[in-house]
Protein backbone atom coordinates (compact mmCIF):
# COMPACT_ATOMS: atom_id res chain seq x y z
CA UNK A 1 -71.73 86.31 61.15
CA UNK A 2 -69.97 87.62 58.06
CA UNK A 3 -66.47 86.56 59.12
CA UNK A 4 -67.07 82.81 59.06
CA UNK A 5 -68.33 82.63 55.44
CA UNK A 6 -65.47 84.91 54.38
CA UNK A 7 -62.88 82.68 56.05
CA UNK A 8 -64.46 79.61 54.48
CA UNK A 9 -64.36 81.19 51.03
CA UNK A 10 -60.71 82.13 51.51
CA UNK A 11 -59.89 78.59 52.57
CA UNK A 12 -61.56 77.18 49.45
CA UNK A 13 -59.70 79.65 47.25
CA UNK A 14 -56.35 78.85 48.83
CA UNK A 15 -57.00 75.14 48.49
CA UNK A 16 -57.82 75.57 44.79
CA UNK A 17 -54.71 77.67 44.17
CA UNK A 18 -52.42 75.22 45.93
CA UNK A 19 -54.01 72.16 44.33
CA UNK A 20 -53.26 73.14 40.73
CA UNK A 21 -49.47 73.32 40.89
CA UNK A 22 -49.32 70.37 43.25
CA UNK A 23 -51.04 68.14 40.69
CA UNK A 24 -48.46 69.10 38.09
CA UNK A 25 -45.55 68.71 40.49
CA UNK A 26 -46.74 65.32 41.70
CA UNK A 27 -46.52 63.70 38.23
CA UNK A 28 -45.33 61.07 38.07
CA UNK A 29 -46.02 59.83 41.58
CA UNK A 30 -45.79 56.14 40.70
CA UNK A 31 -44.34 53.74 38.15
CA UNK A 32 -44.99 53.90 34.41
CA UNK A 33 -45.54 51.06 31.97
CA UNK A 34 -43.65 51.03 28.67
CA UNK A 35 -45.05 48.83 25.90
CA UNK A 36 -42.72 47.29 23.32
CA UNK A 37 -44.79 45.59 20.57
CA UNK A 38 -42.09 43.02 19.77
CA UNK A 39 -40.54 40.03 21.57
CA UNK A 40 -37.36 40.39 23.67
CA UNK A 41 -34.03 40.33 21.91
CA UNK A 42 -34.51 42.48 18.80
CA UNK A 43 -33.18 45.96 18.15
CA UNK A 44 -36.51 47.71 18.81
CA UNK A 45 -36.81 45.93 22.14
CA UNK A 46 -33.28 46.79 23.27
CA UNK A 47 -33.51 50.41 22.12
CA UNK A 48 -36.92 50.74 23.77
CA UNK A 49 -35.56 49.38 27.03
CA UNK A 50 -32.57 51.74 26.83
CA UNK A 51 -34.68 54.86 26.38
CA UNK A 52 -37.16 53.70 29.03
CA UNK A 53 -34.28 53.28 31.49
CA UNK A 54 -32.90 56.74 30.70
CA UNK A 55 -36.37 58.32 31.01
CA UNK A 56 -36.86 56.52 34.33
CA UNK A 57 -33.76 58.20 35.72
CA UNK A 58 -35.01 61.64 34.70
CA UNK A 59 -38.57 61.10 35.94
CA UNK A 60 -37.44 59.57 39.21
CA UNK A 61 -39.80 56.59 39.03
CA UNK A 62 -39.59 53.02 37.81
CA UNK A 63 -40.64 52.26 34.23
CA UNK A 64 -41.68 48.67 33.65
CA UNK A 65 -41.16 47.38 30.11
CA UNK A 66 -43.89 45.08 28.80
CA UNK A 67 -43.36 43.08 25.61
CA UNK A 68 -46.66 42.75 23.72
CA UNK A 69 -45.63 40.98 20.52
CA UNK A 70 -47.87 39.93 17.65
CA UNK A 71 -49.16 40.80 14.18
CA UNK A 72 -46.11 42.86 13.13
CA UNK A 73 -46.40 45.13 16.14
CA UNK A 74 -50.09 45.94 15.83
CA UNK A 75 -51.10 43.93 18.93
CA UNK A 76 -48.95 46.10 21.17
CA UNK A 77 -49.94 49.26 19.31
CA UNK A 78 -53.61 48.44 19.83
CA UNK A 79 -53.09 47.89 23.55
CA UNK A 80 -51.21 51.16 23.82
CA UNK A 81 -53.89 53.11 21.95
CA UNK A 82 -56.55 51.76 24.35
CA UNK A 83 -54.63 52.45 27.55
CA UNK A 84 -55.82 55.14 29.94
CA UNK A 85 -54.62 58.56 28.81
CA UNK A 86 -53.12 59.52 32.16
CA UNK A 87 -49.42 59.60 31.28
CA UNK A 88 -48.65 56.34 33.04
CA UNK A 89 -48.59 54.17 29.91
CA UNK A 90 -46.20 54.96 27.08
CA UNK A 91 -44.29 52.87 24.55
CA UNK A 92 -42.25 52.65 21.39
CA UNK A 93 -43.90 52.05 18.02
CA UNK A 94 -41.95 51.44 14.83
CA UNK A 95 -42.60 52.23 11.18
CA UNK A 96 -44.64 49.13 10.34
CA UNK A 97 -47.36 49.29 13.03
CA UNK A 98 -47.44 53.09 13.28
CA UNK A 99 -46.84 54.52 9.81
CA UNK A 100 -47.72 51.74 7.39
CA UNK A 101 -50.22 49.18 8.64
CA UNK A 102 -52.96 51.75 9.38
CA UNK A 103 -53.01 52.46 5.63
CA UNK A 104 -53.24 48.81 4.58
CA UNK A 105 -55.20 47.03 7.32
CA UNK A 106 -58.43 47.55 9.26
CA UNK A 107 -57.01 48.50 12.65
CA UNK A 108 -58.61 50.11 15.73
CA UNK A 109 -56.02 52.91 15.67
CA UNK A 110 -54.19 55.31 13.39
CA UNK A 111 -51.43 57.87 13.91
CA UNK A 112 -53.87 60.36 15.43
CA UNK A 113 -54.67 57.84 18.19
CA UNK A 114 -51.38 58.72 19.89
CA UNK A 115 -49.58 61.64 21.46
CA UNK A 116 -46.17 61.78 19.74
CA UNK A 117 -43.50 62.41 22.37
CA UNK A 118 -40.15 62.02 20.64
CA UNK A 119 -38.18 59.99 18.12
CA UNK A 120 -36.61 56.92 19.69
CA UNK A 121 -34.45 55.99 16.72
CA UNK A 122 -34.06 56.70 13.03
CA UNK A 123 -32.39 54.10 10.84
CA UNK A 124 -32.20 55.32 7.21
CA UNK A 125 -32.32 52.77 4.42
CA UNK A 126 -29.00 52.40 2.62
CA UNK A 127 -28.89 51.30 -1.01
CA UNK A 128 -26.38 48.46 -0.89
CA UNK A 129 -24.85 46.25 -3.59
CA UNK A 130 -22.53 43.26 -3.61
CA UNK A 131 -18.93 44.41 -3.90
CA UNK A 132 -18.39 41.70 -6.52
CA UNK A 133 -21.01 43.34 -8.77
CA UNK A 134 -18.62 46.13 -9.69
CA UNK A 135 -21.36 48.75 -9.12
CA UNK A 136 -20.04 51.71 -7.13
CA UNK A 137 -22.64 54.47 -7.58
CA UNK A 138 -26.39 54.94 -7.81
CA UNK A 139 -25.91 56.35 -11.33
CA UNK A 140 -24.28 53.09 -12.44
CA UNK A 141 -27.13 51.08 -10.94
CA UNK A 142 -29.78 53.13 -12.76
CA UNK A 143 -27.88 52.83 -16.04
CA UNK A 144 -28.47 49.08 -15.94
CA UNK A 145 -32.20 49.68 -16.29
CA UNK A 146 -31.97 51.80 -19.45
CA UNK A 147 -32.48 48.87 -21.82
CA UNK A 148 -33.92 46.25 -19.50
CA UNK A 149 -36.13 47.13 -16.49
CA UNK A 150 -35.63 43.62 -15.09
CA UNK A 151 -31.88 44.22 -14.96
CA UNK A 152 -32.27 46.04 -11.62
CA UNK A 153 -33.75 43.67 -9.05
CA UNK A 154 -34.22 44.82 -5.49
CA UNK A 155 -35.01 43.43 -2.06
CA UNK A 156 -38.60 43.89 -0.95
CA UNK A 157 -40.67 42.30 1.79
CA UNK A 158 -43.73 42.46 -0.44
CA UNK A 159 -46.12 45.10 -1.82
CA UNK A 160 -46.77 47.98 0.55
CA UNK A 161 -43.76 47.29 2.78
CA UNK A 162 -41.23 49.99 3.60
CA UNK A 163 -38.62 48.62 1.19
CA UNK A 164 -41.18 48.37 -1.61
CA UNK A 165 -42.46 51.92 -1.06
CA UNK A 166 -38.92 53.30 -0.82
CA UNK A 167 -37.75 51.64 -4.02
CA UNK A 168 -40.86 52.68 -5.92
CA UNK A 169 -40.27 56.27 -4.80
CA UNK A 170 -36.67 55.95 -5.98
CA UNK A 171 -37.78 54.73 -9.40
CA UNK A 172 -40.22 57.62 -9.71
CA UNK A 173 -37.60 60.19 -8.73
CA UNK A 174 -34.89 58.63 -10.89
CA UNK A 175 -37.04 57.90 -13.93
CA UNK A 176 -36.18 54.23 -14.23
CA UNK A 177 -37.88 50.88 -13.70
CA UNK A 178 -36.81 47.98 -11.50
CA UNK A 179 -38.18 44.67 -10.31
CA UNK A 180 -38.93 43.89 -6.67
CA UNK A 181 -38.15 40.39 -5.41
CA UNK A 182 -40.10 39.52 -2.22
CA UNK A 183 -38.14 37.91 0.59
CA UNK A 184 -38.08 37.98 4.38
CA UNK A 185 -35.46 39.87 6.32
CA UNK A 186 -32.21 41.67 5.66
CA UNK A 187 -29.99 38.64 6.11
CA UNK A 188 -31.93 36.85 3.38
CA UNK A 189 -31.47 39.96 1.25
CA UNK A 190 -27.70 39.79 1.79
CA UNK A 191 -27.63 36.15 0.74
CA UNK A 192 -29.56 37.00 -2.41
CA UNK A 193 -27.28 39.94 -3.15
CA UNK A 194 -24.22 37.72 -2.93
CA UNK A 195 -25.77 35.02 -5.12
CA UNK A 196 -26.94 37.51 -7.76
CA UNK A 197 -30.68 36.96 -7.32
CA UNK A 198 -30.95 40.71 -6.65
CA UNK A 199 -28.41 43.45 -7.28
CA UNK A 200 -29.49 46.14 -4.80
CA UNK A 201 -31.00 46.07 -1.33
CA UNK A 202 -32.37 48.96 0.75
CA UNK A 203 -31.10 47.82 4.15
CA UNK A 204 -30.13 49.40 7.45
CA UNK A 205 -26.65 50.30 8.63
CA UNK A 206 -26.21 47.39 11.01
CA UNK A 207 -26.49 44.94 8.14
CA UNK A 208 -24.79 47.03 5.45
CA UNK A 209 -21.76 47.84 7.61
CA UNK A 210 -21.58 44.41 9.19
CA UNK A 211 -20.32 42.86 5.95
CA UNK A 212 -17.64 45.35 4.78
CA UNK A 213 -15.74 42.90 2.57
CA UNK A 214 -18.86 41.72 0.76
CA UNK A 215 -21.19 44.71 0.58
CA UNK A 216 -20.79 48.24 -0.79
CA UNK A 217 -23.18 51.05 0.23
CA UNK A 218 -23.78 53.44 -2.69
CA UNK A 219 -26.39 55.94 -1.40
CA UNK A 220 -28.49 56.64 1.69
CA UNK A 221 -32.19 57.55 1.92
CA UNK A 222 -31.73 60.27 4.55
CA UNK A 223 -32.07 64.04 4.67
CA UNK A 224 -28.37 64.53 5.27
CA UNK A 225 -25.21 62.48 5.02
CA UNK A 226 -24.19 60.45 8.04
CA UNK A 227 -20.61 59.78 9.15
CA UNK A 228 -20.83 56.06 8.44
CA UNK A 229 -21.32 55.08 5.70
CA UNK A 230 -19.99 58.23 4.06
CA UNK A 231 -22.01 57.99 0.87
CA UNK A 232 -24.20 60.53 -0.96
CA UNK A 233 -27.86 60.93 -0.09
CA UNK A 234 -30.28 59.99 -2.86
CA UNK A 235 -31.25 63.67 -2.94
CA UNK A 236 -27.67 64.65 -3.77
CA UNK A 237 -27.59 62.23 -6.69
CA UNK A 238 -31.04 62.85 -8.15
CA UNK A 239 -31.65 66.43 -7.11
CA UNK A 240 -34.87 65.28 -5.44
CA UNK A 241 -34.92 63.86 -1.91
CA UNK A 242 -36.07 60.29 -1.32
CA UNK A 243 -36.17 59.83 2.44
CA UNK A 244 -37.13 56.51 4.01
CA UNK A 245 -36.04 54.92 7.25
CA UNK A 246 -37.01 52.43 9.88
CA UNK A 247 -38.05 54.72 12.70
CA UNK A 248 -39.13 54.37 16.29
CA UNK A 249 -41.49 56.78 18.03
CA UNK A 250 -42.07 57.17 21.76
CA UNK A 251 -45.81 57.67 22.11
CA UNK A 252 -48.66 57.78 24.62
CA UNK A 253 -52.43 57.32 24.22
CA UNK A 254 -54.16 60.37 22.80
CA UNK A 255 -55.49 62.85 25.33
CA UNK A 256 -52.99 62.84 28.19
CA UNK A 257 -52.93 66.15 30.13
CA UNK A 258 -50.75 68.81 28.54
CA UNK A 259 -48.50 69.22 31.59
CA UNK A 260 -47.83 65.48 31.70
CA UNK A 261 -47.13 65.39 27.98
CA UNK A 262 -44.65 68.21 28.46
CA UNK A 263 -42.92 66.39 31.29
CA UNK A 264 -42.58 63.24 29.14
CA UNK A 265 -41.13 65.31 26.30
CA UNK A 266 -38.55 66.75 28.71
CA UNK A 267 -37.62 63.29 30.00
CA UNK A 268 -37.33 61.92 26.48
CA UNK A 269 -35.09 64.80 25.39
CA UNK A 270 -32.81 64.11 28.34
CA UNK A 271 -32.77 60.41 27.46
CA UNK A 272 -31.88 61.16 23.84
CA UNK A 273 -28.76 62.95 25.01
CA UNK A 274 -27.65 60.34 27.53
CA UNK A 275 -24.48 58.34 27.01
CA UNK A 276 -26.17 55.06 27.96
CA UNK A 277 -28.88 55.45 25.32
CA UNK A 278 -26.52 56.58 22.56
CA UNK A 279 -24.23 53.67 23.32
CA UNK A 280 -27.10 51.31 22.45
CA UNK A 281 -27.88 53.24 19.24
CA UNK A 282 -24.22 52.95 18.33
CA UNK A 283 -24.36 49.18 18.67
CA UNK A 284 -26.76 49.22 15.70
CA UNK A 285 -24.83 51.91 13.78
CA UNK A 286 -27.73 54.32 14.24
CA UNK A 287 -27.15 58.08 14.41
CA UNK A 288 -28.24 60.12 17.47
CA UNK A 289 -31.79 61.48 17.52
CA UNK A 290 -33.08 64.78 18.88
CA UNK A 291 -36.61 65.44 17.61
CA UNK A 292 -39.21 65.96 20.34
CA UNK A 293 -42.65 67.42 20.98
CA UNK A 294 -44.55 69.43 18.41
CA UNK A 295 -41.68 69.48 15.91
CA UNK A 296 -41.38 65.71 16.02
CA UNK A 297 -45.16 65.30 15.71
CA UNK A 298 -45.18 67.49 12.61
CA UNK A 299 -42.32 65.55 11.00
CA UNK A 300 -43.84 62.14 11.74
CA UNK A 301 -47.26 63.22 10.50
CA UNK A 302 -45.62 64.28 7.25
CA UNK A 303 -44.03 60.84 6.91
CA UNK A 304 -47.35 59.16 7.65
CA UNK A 305 -49.23 61.25 5.10
CA UNK A 306 -46.57 60.71 2.43
CA UNK A 307 -46.74 56.93 2.86
CA UNK A 308 -50.54 57.05 2.70
CA UNK A 309 -50.49 59.14 -0.47
CA UNK A 310 -47.99 56.82 -2.12
CA UNK A 311 -49.98 53.71 -1.25
CA UNK A 312 -53.20 55.23 -2.52
CA UNK A 313 -51.57 55.88 -5.91
CA UNK A 314 -50.21 52.33 -6.30
C-alpha cells in the first residue's frame, strides 16, 4: 500500500528534474524570425541579414528575415516590441527608431521594451570637410567661428536628428557656435560640401572614405581611434569626449526567459567574430563589434539616456 504512492512520487520528481534541463536544451527547436525595420537593399538590411545568417549557423535553426519598413524604422520596432517574448522573434534596431524617436514621438515602445542582446554594428560619425576648403584639422574649423558663428555651417537632417544632436554636443564641448543646414542624406551633404553650402558634415565612413580625392576627414566621434580614417577623436582634440554613431542593436521583446536570452547572446557573440559577418561590415568601412549581454545593455542605456537629456535641454 505504501510502495505505490512512493513510486508515483519518485516518478513525478524524476520527471520534474529531467524536464528542466530538457527545456533549456531544446531551445531553439524551430525557426526564428528576424525583423529588419527597413526595406531591402540598405546597409542596415544587409548587415542584419548577415548577422542573422551567422546566428542561424550557431543556433542550428533557420532564421527568416522579415522587412517591416515604415516611419523611419518605428513600424518594425513596434511590431518587434509586441511580439511574443519567447525567444523566437528578434531583430535589428538602429539609432533612429531605438535611441532617438522614443524621446521625440509618442510611440508604443521605448528602450526598456526590449531585451538588448548585442551590438550589430557601430558606425561613428566622422567630421568631414571638402579637400578644396583648405581645412585640415578640427581646430582650424572651430577658429572660423570665432568672429562669425554662421561661418561654420554643418549638415543636419533637422532638429533632434543624430547629426544635429552630435554637432550641438560638439559646439558645447568646443565652446563655439555653428549653423545647421537641414538636408536629406549623406550624398546630399557631400554635394553641399563640394559646392560650399556647408563646410563640415558629420557622416559615416562609407561616404567619407568613398570620395578620397574630394573629402578630408578631420576628426571622429568615437571612443578610440580607428584604423581608417586615421584621424584624432574629438576627445583627443578637445579634452572632452563627444561620442556619436549610427548604431545597430540586436534585440528581442522584453521578458524572454533568461536561459533563452543567454543562448541568443552566445550566438550573437559567435556571429560577431565570424568572417562572413565581418566581411559585410568591411564593405561599409565599419569596425568590428564585440559588445554583448549586460555590458552592451549598460552601454546602450547610457547612450539612450544621454540623448534624452540633451533633447530635454534643447
